[in-house]
Every structure is written in C-alpha cells, then in structure tokens.
Protein backbone atom coordinates (compact mmCIF):
# COMPACT_ATOMS: atom_id res chain seq x y z
CA MET A 1 75.08 99.30 94.85
CA ASP A 2 78.08 97.12 93.61
CA TYR A 3 78.88 95.00 96.53
CA LYS A 4 82.65 94.78 95.68
CA ASN A 5 82.72 98.67 95.94
CA ARG A 6 80.60 98.96 99.11
CA PRO A 7 81.61 101.55 101.67
CA LEU A 8 83.54 100.40 104.73
CA GLN A 9 83.39 102.02 108.18
CA LEU A 10 87.12 102.91 109.37
CA GLY A 11 87.94 102.31 113.05
CA MET A 12 90.98 101.88 115.05
CA HIS A 13 92.44 99.56 117.59
CA SER A 14 93.88 101.53 120.44
CA TYR A 15 97.02 99.41 120.47
CA THR A 16 97.94 101.93 117.60
CA LEU A 17 98.90 104.38 120.30
CA HIS A 18 100.53 101.81 122.90
CA PHE A 19 103.33 104.17 123.90
CA PHE A 20 100.44 106.63 125.13
CA GLY A 21 99.53 103.74 127.46
CA LEU A 22 96.56 102.63 125.38
CA GLY A 23 95.61 99.26 124.16
CA GLU A 24 98.30 97.22 125.91
CA SER A 25 101.88 96.58 126.49
CA TRP A 26 103.38 93.99 124.02
CA GLY A 27 106.57 92.00 123.36
CA PHE A 28 108.37 92.35 126.84
CA GLY A 29 107.46 88.65 127.69
CA LYS A 30 106.40 89.95 131.33
CA ASP A 31 104.01 92.59 132.73
CA PHE A 32 105.59 96.11 131.63
CA PHE A 33 103.09 98.96 131.51
CA PHE A 34 103.69 102.42 129.77
CA GLU A 35 102.53 105.56 131.54
CA GLN A 36 99.00 106.42 130.33
CA THR A 37 99.09 109.72 128.89
CA MET A 38 95.77 109.72 127.04
CA ASP A 39 92.49 108.26 128.57
CA ILE A 40 89.49 106.81 126.95
CA PHE A 41 87.62 110.13 126.72
CA GLU A 42 90.38 111.97 124.91
CA LEU A 43 91.08 109.07 122.66
CA MET A 44 87.35 109.25 121.60
CA GLU A 45 87.79 113.18 121.16
CA ASN A 46 90.27 112.46 118.93
CA ALA A 47 88.79 109.80 116.94
CA GLU A 48 86.14 112.16 115.95
CA LYS A 49 88.46 115.03 114.99
CA TRP A 50 90.38 112.41 112.88
CA GLU A 51 87.11 111.31 111.28
CA LEU A 52 87.18 107.83 112.44
CA ASP A 53 83.82 105.79 112.76
CA GLY A 54 84.74 103.69 115.73
CA LEU A 55 87.38 102.20 118.15
CA GLN A 56 88.25 98.92 119.31
CA VAL A 57 89.33 99.21 123.00
CA THR A 58 90.79 97.18 125.89
CA LYS A 59 90.41 97.15 129.75
CA VAL A 60 93.51 99.08 129.91
CA ASP A 61 91.86 102.07 128.03
CA LEU A 62 88.81 101.67 130.15
CA ALA A 63 90.88 102.15 133.37
CA SER A 64 87.85 100.93 135.64
CA THR A 65 85.18 98.55 134.85
CA GLU A 66 82.80 99.95 137.44
CA PRO A 67 79.22 100.10 136.09
CA GLN A 68 79.00 103.89 136.29
CA HIS A 69 82.28 104.26 134.43
CA LEU A 70 81.42 101.97 131.73
CA ALA A 71 77.87 103.83 131.42
CA ALA A 72 80.10 107.00 130.82
CA VAL A 73 82.20 105.60 128.36
CA LYS A 74 79.05 104.32 126.21
CA LYS A 75 77.46 107.86 126.58
CA ALA A 76 80.89 109.56 125.42
CA ALA A 77 80.89 107.13 122.49
CA GLU A 78 77.42 107.92 121.41
CA LYS A 79 77.96 111.65 121.83
CA HIS A 80 81.03 111.49 119.42
CA GLY A 81 79.14 109.12 117.02
CA LEU A 82 81.51 106.26 117.28
CA PHE A 83 80.95 102.55 117.34
CA LEU A 84 83.02 100.61 119.78
CA GLU A 85 84.46 97.15 119.95
CA PHE A 86 86.00 95.43 122.98
CA ASN A 87 89.27 93.42 122.73
CA ALA A 88 90.07 90.66 125.23
CA SER A 89 92.73 88.17 126.07
CA PHE A 90 92.86 85.09 128.37
CA ASP A 91 96.50 85.09 129.27
CA ALA A 92 98.46 88.06 127.53
CA GLY A 93 102.19 87.42 128.01
CA SER A 94 103.19 91.29 128.46
CA ASP A 95 100.09 92.90 129.99
CA SER A 96 97.73 91.10 132.28
CA ARG A 97 95.64 94.15 132.54
CA VAL A 98 93.81 92.98 129.26
CA ASN A 99 93.00 89.55 130.63
CA CYS A 100 89.24 88.65 130.99
CA THR A 101 86.87 85.59 131.35
CA ILE A 102 84.45 85.15 128.62
CA PRO A 103 81.52 86.28 130.77
CA GLU A 104 83.41 89.30 132.00
CA ALA A 105 84.48 90.46 128.55
CA LEU A 106 80.83 89.93 127.31
CA GLN A 107 79.57 92.04 130.10
CA ILE A 108 82.03 94.79 129.69
CA GLY A 109 81.27 94.89 126.03
CA LYS A 110 77.67 95.08 126.57
CA ASP A 111 77.95 97.78 129.19
CA ILE A 112 79.91 100.12 127.09
CA GLY A 113 77.51 99.70 124.04
CA ALA A 114 80.15 97.50 121.99
CA ASP A 115 78.47 95.32 119.20
CA LEU A 116 81.35 92.94 118.92
CA VAL A 117 83.94 91.37 121.43
CA LYS A 118 87.31 90.10 120.13
CA PHE A 119 89.34 87.57 121.73
CA SER A 120 92.84 86.39 121.61
CA LEU A 121 93.29 83.05 122.59
CA ASP A 122 96.97 83.05 123.88
CA ILE A 123 98.05 79.65 123.01
CA LYS A 124 101.38 78.48 124.10
CA ARG A 125 103.33 77.17 121.10
CA PRO A 126 106.36 74.95 120.73
CA ARG A 127 109.57 76.72 120.01
CA LYS A 128 109.67 75.15 116.88
CA LEU A 129 107.14 76.92 114.70
CA TYR A 130 107.77 75.14 111.32
CA GLY A 131 105.04 72.93 110.52
CA SER A 132 103.43 73.03 113.76
CA SER A 133 99.73 73.91 112.64
CA MET A 134 97.39 71.72 114.13
CA ASP A 135 100.10 70.10 116.46
CA PRO A 136 98.38 67.85 119.08
CA ALA A 137 99.60 70.07 121.86
CA ILE A 138 97.88 72.99 120.24
CA MET A 139 94.72 71.21 119.54
CA VAL A 140 94.52 70.25 123.22
CA GLN A 141 94.37 73.98 124.09
CA LEU A 142 92.23 74.92 121.32
CA ALA A 143 89.60 72.05 122.68
CA GLU A 144 89.68 73.76 126.24
CA LYS A 145 88.97 77.11 124.60
CA TYR A 146 86.26 75.66 122.71
CA GLU A 147 84.54 74.45 125.64
CA LEU A 148 84.63 77.77 127.24
CA PHE A 149 83.01 79.25 124.38
CA VAL A 150 80.21 76.79 124.27
CA GLN A 151 79.44 77.51 127.89
CA ALA A 152 79.21 81.23 127.04
CA ILE A 153 76.80 80.92 123.84
CA PRO A 154 73.43 81.44 125.94
CA MET A 155 74.95 84.70 127.41
CA ILE A 156 76.16 85.69 123.86
CA GLU A 157 72.81 85.33 122.38
CA GLU A 158 71.29 86.80 125.49
CA LEU A 159 73.34 90.00 125.22
CA ASP A 160 73.11 90.18 121.49
CA LEU A 161 76.87 90.43 120.50
CA ASP A 162 79.03 89.28 117.87
CA ILE A 163 82.21 87.36 118.88
CA SER A 164 85.45 87.27 116.99
CA ILE A 165 88.36 84.97 117.53
CA GLU A 166 91.88 86.20 116.38
CA ASN A 167 94.66 84.79 114.57
CA HIS A 168 96.79 86.24 117.24
CA THR A 169 100.62 85.93 117.17
CA ASP A 170 100.25 82.41 118.58
CA THR A 171 97.89 80.79 115.99
CA PHE A 172 97.66 79.64 112.49
CA ALA A 173 94.78 80.60 110.26
CA ASP A 174 93.60 76.81 110.02
CA GLU A 175 93.54 76.58 113.96
CA ILE A 176 91.24 79.66 114.27
CA LEU A 177 89.19 78.20 111.44
CA TRP A 178 89.05 74.80 113.17
CA ILE A 179 87.48 76.24 116.55
CA VAL A 180 85.20 78.54 114.65
CA ASP A 181 83.81 75.96 112.65
CA LYS A 182 83.40 73.57 115.59
CA LEU A 183 81.48 76.22 117.34
CA ASN A 184 79.21 76.55 114.31
CA HIS A 185 77.30 79.57 115.48
CA SER A 186 76.33 82.77 113.56
CA ARG A 187 77.40 85.23 116.12
CA ILE A 188 80.98 83.71 116.23
CA GLY A 189 83.54 84.46 113.44
CA VAL A 190 87.20 85.29 113.02
CA CYS A 191 89.42 88.27 113.41
CA VAL A 192 91.80 88.36 110.57
CA ASP A 193 95.08 90.00 111.69
CA THR A 194 97.17 90.88 108.58
CA ALA A 195 100.53 91.06 110.50
CA ASN A 196 100.39 88.23 112.97
CA PRO A 197 100.81 85.41 110.43
CA LEU A 198 104.64 86.42 110.22
CA GLN A 199 105.21 85.36 113.79
CA VAL A 200 104.11 81.82 113.37
CA MET A 201 105.97 81.70 109.84
CA GLU A 202 102.61 81.58 107.86
CA ASN A 203 102.29 83.56 104.63
CA PRO A 204 99.81 86.70 105.39
CA SER A 205 98.32 86.27 101.91
CA TYR A 206 97.28 82.64 102.77
CA ALA A 207 95.90 83.49 105.85
CA MET A 208 93.77 86.25 104.34
CA GLU A 209 92.55 83.87 101.83
CA LYS A 210 91.48 81.29 104.20
CA MET A 211 89.97 83.63 106.85
CA LEU A 212 88.23 86.41 104.92
CA PRO A 213 85.13 84.30 104.21
CA ARG A 214 84.51 83.71 107.98
CA ALA A 215 85.64 87.08 109.22
CA ASN A 216 83.64 89.63 111.13
CA CYS A 217 86.54 91.57 112.41
CA ILE A 218 89.91 92.70 110.74
CA HIS A 219 93.14 93.98 112.21
CA PHE A 220 94.43 95.70 109.22
CA SER A 221 98.18 96.67 109.61
CA ASP A 222 101.19 97.66 107.30
CA ASP A 223 104.67 96.33 108.19
CA THR A 224 108.00 96.74 106.45
CA ILE A 225 110.38 93.71 106.08
CA VAL A 226 113.83 95.03 107.03
CA VAL A 227 117.02 92.90 106.71
CA ASP A 228 120.05 94.34 108.56
CA PRO A 229 123.26 93.23 110.59
CA LEU A 230 120.92 92.36 113.51
CA GLY A 231 118.66 89.99 111.38
CA VAL A 232 115.19 90.02 109.53
CA HIS A 233 112.47 92.00 111.36
CA ASN A 234 109.00 92.99 110.49
CA ILE A 235 108.77 96.47 111.89
CA GLY A 236 105.14 98.25 111.90
CA SER A 237 104.76 101.09 109.43
CA ALA A 238 102.32 103.81 108.67
CA HIS A 239 99.57 102.41 106.08
CA GLY A 240 100.84 102.65 102.56
CA ARG A 241 104.65 103.05 103.71
CA GLY A 242 105.30 99.21 104.46
CA SER A 243 105.73 96.13 102.54
CA TYR A 244 102.12 95.31 102.24
CA ASP A 245 99.97 96.08 99.33
CA CYS A 246 97.31 97.86 101.17
CA ALA A 247 95.04 98.76 98.20
CA LYS A 248 95.02 95.12 96.95
CA MET A 249 94.10 94.14 100.23
CA VAL A 250 91.28 96.29 100.72
CA ARG A 251 89.95 95.12 97.36
CA GLU A 252 90.30 91.30 98.60
CA ILE A 253 88.45 92.35 101.82
CA ARG A 254 85.51 93.80 99.79
CA GLU A 255 85.36 90.72 97.46
CA LYS A 256 86.05 87.95 99.75
CA SER A 257 84.38 89.04 102.92
CA SER A 258 81.02 90.36 104.27
CA LEU A 259 82.83 92.83 106.62
CA LYS A 260 81.37 96.18 107.11
CA ARG A 261 84.35 97.80 108.81
CA ILE A 262 88.05 97.86 108.89
CA ILE A 263 89.92 98.31 112.18
CA LEU A 264 93.35 99.96 111.46
CA GLU A 265 96.16 99.03 113.70
CA ASN A 266 99.95 100.33 113.58
CA GLU A 267 102.64 98.34 115.37
CA ILE A 268 105.14 101.06 115.74
CA ALA A 269 108.43 99.66 117.57
CA PHE A 270 111.07 101.58 119.15
CA LYS A 271 114.12 102.56 117.17
CA SER A 272 116.15 101.29 120.11
CA LEU A 273 115.60 100.12 123.66
CA ASP A 274 117.01 103.36 124.92
CA GLU A 275 114.88 105.69 122.54
CA PRO A 276 113.40 108.22 124.85
CA ILE A 277 109.52 107.44 125.09
CA GLU A 278 108.65 110.96 124.10
CA GLU A 279 110.28 110.58 120.84
CA ALA A 280 108.68 107.35 120.40
CA ARG A 281 105.32 108.61 121.08
CA GLU A 282 105.97 111.46 118.46
CA ARG A 283 106.74 108.92 115.81
CA GLU A 284 103.61 106.74 116.69
CA MET A 285 101.24 109.83 116.45
CA ALA A 286 102.77 110.75 113.06
CA ALA A 287 102.29 107.15 111.79
CA CYS A 288 98.76 107.08 113.29
CA LEU A 289 97.85 110.23 111.47
CA GLU A 290 99.46 109.36 108.19
CA SER A 291 97.57 106.04 108.25
CA ILE A 292 94.13 107.60 108.54
CA ARG A 293 95.00 110.17 106.04
CA TYR A 294 96.16 107.39 103.42
CA LEU A 295 93.17 105.16 104.37
CA ARG A 296 90.70 107.68 104.17
CA ASN A 297 91.88 110.01 101.28
CA GLU A 298 93.54 107.30 99.12
CA LEU A 299 91.79 104.13 99.83
CA LYS A 300 88.37 106.07 100.41
CA LEU A 301 87.69 104.08 103.82
CA GLY A 302 85.39 105.40 106.31
CA LEU A 303 81.87 106.72 106.34
CA ARG A 304 82.02 109.89 108.67
CA ASN A 305 81.67 113.39 106.88
CA ARG A 306 81.58 111.54 103.40
C-alpha cells in the first residue's frame, strides 16, 4: 500500500457537540456549564450510526469516574466498535470539570479502554501575544509541566498509554515541540490542533508543518474567517465550508505524519449571545453531520463499513 494514500480512521472530539453539554464549556472565562442533553452512551450509539471509528471524550462526558461506571463505558465502546481517547486539562479557564492531574487522567484513560490521553497545558500567556513564543515567563510554566510529565513516565509505561500534548489556545507550536523534545519518550507526542494557532497569532500552516512529524493526535477543524463591523473573527464551520483547504490538509497529514486517525472537531459558536440554545444545538448538529458526510464521502476518511 502507498503510505501517502493509507487509510485513516475518523474519530470525533465530543466538544463538537458542546451545546448538548458534551466535551466542555469554552470561551466564557469562568465556569459556565450547558445542560447535558446527550450522555456518553447515546453519543456512542450515534457515533456508530454516523459510521465514526471512535471518540475523544472528557470527564464531562463520563459524568462519573467511579470504577464501575468507567467499566460500563469501556464495555459500551467495545460493543459499538469504537476506539476511545481521553482528553484532559490542568486548569481549564471555562470548565473546571475537565481538570485532572496526570495520574488521574492516565487511570481514567486506562479504565475506559482508551489508547491515548491528550493534555492541554493551560499556560497563562501575557496579553501581548505578538512575538511571545518561548517568552521566559512561558518557559517557566513549561518547565513545571515538564517535571510533572517526567514523574508520570513510569505510570505511562505501566499502563501502556500514548500521551499527546496539544497546541491549545495558549501555546505556540515551538513551545509544544520544546516540551515534547525535552521529554524525549516514544510514548509522548504532540496533538496538532488546526484552529488553535489563530488564537496566539500563529500561522496554522506553519504550526501544521512544524508539528506533524511529531504528532500522535490531531484535532481537525475548519474555521471561517469573517470580517464585519464587530471586527475579525474565526468562526467554526462544518468541514469543507470554511476558509481552510481541508483536502490539502489531509494530504499533508498523510505525507508528513505517521498518524493513523483523524479526530474531527467543530467549533460552532452562538450566532449571538441571546440565540436560543435549542437553535444553537440544531445548527451544531447539522454542522456535525455535514462534517462527517464531507470527511467520509469526499475525503474518504474512516474505516467503518468500507
């Protein structure tokens, strides 16, 4: 088989349905929770129906970390033929429910049968983003996180898990590569988020090029750049409907990484702060289904029912 045309699994980050109370709440700058109208078991039923190969989930989706409940989640994933990944934060700005210590996240991941645990570092950046990559104040924080991961390496090896560190909305590609290079462990790689570079004034294409060779996870989003009287915005779109060249990005993923799967993520926003949540959910679900259709049918991602 031509490596550059190899099949790729298609998974989904549960944040894609955050208006349904899944994934995590984001963007409010304080704890703000949407009512959960779909639980983890219904999400897995839908994932199978939508012909996804797997899911990346958070503590919010799990609702409970009691061992018996996590065992039930693992059993359900096996029943539906889904891989699971676990997504954890250290200090999320809008949803403290997703926060975990590294040992806690590793144990949850193992208990639900996940093969990968992804971490956001939750770095506190200066207000002035321009030219702030590798700033000394940032490097101090990265060094602190480095020590935590070093301490966790024996547990990572014992539980046989892969670890992925994301260029979240608070980190540049070079910063993530610095900590992964310093950790220098075969089970620790980077999670490339295709939309997050915009939030630290970084070129998404540069971030992809730098990070893909070390990637063991990807959050694959499509955003639309909008200029209007309220300013310039990057607004989440269904894949194939935004400003990104998704087909070109998939080619780059195949050519420049050893990734075996793509995790789709939609970042659908409110049309306005007074939009009824029911209407937001309807738009979010439509975007989710359109993304899956486009990625499976037009970009030929996913292995289920091929």
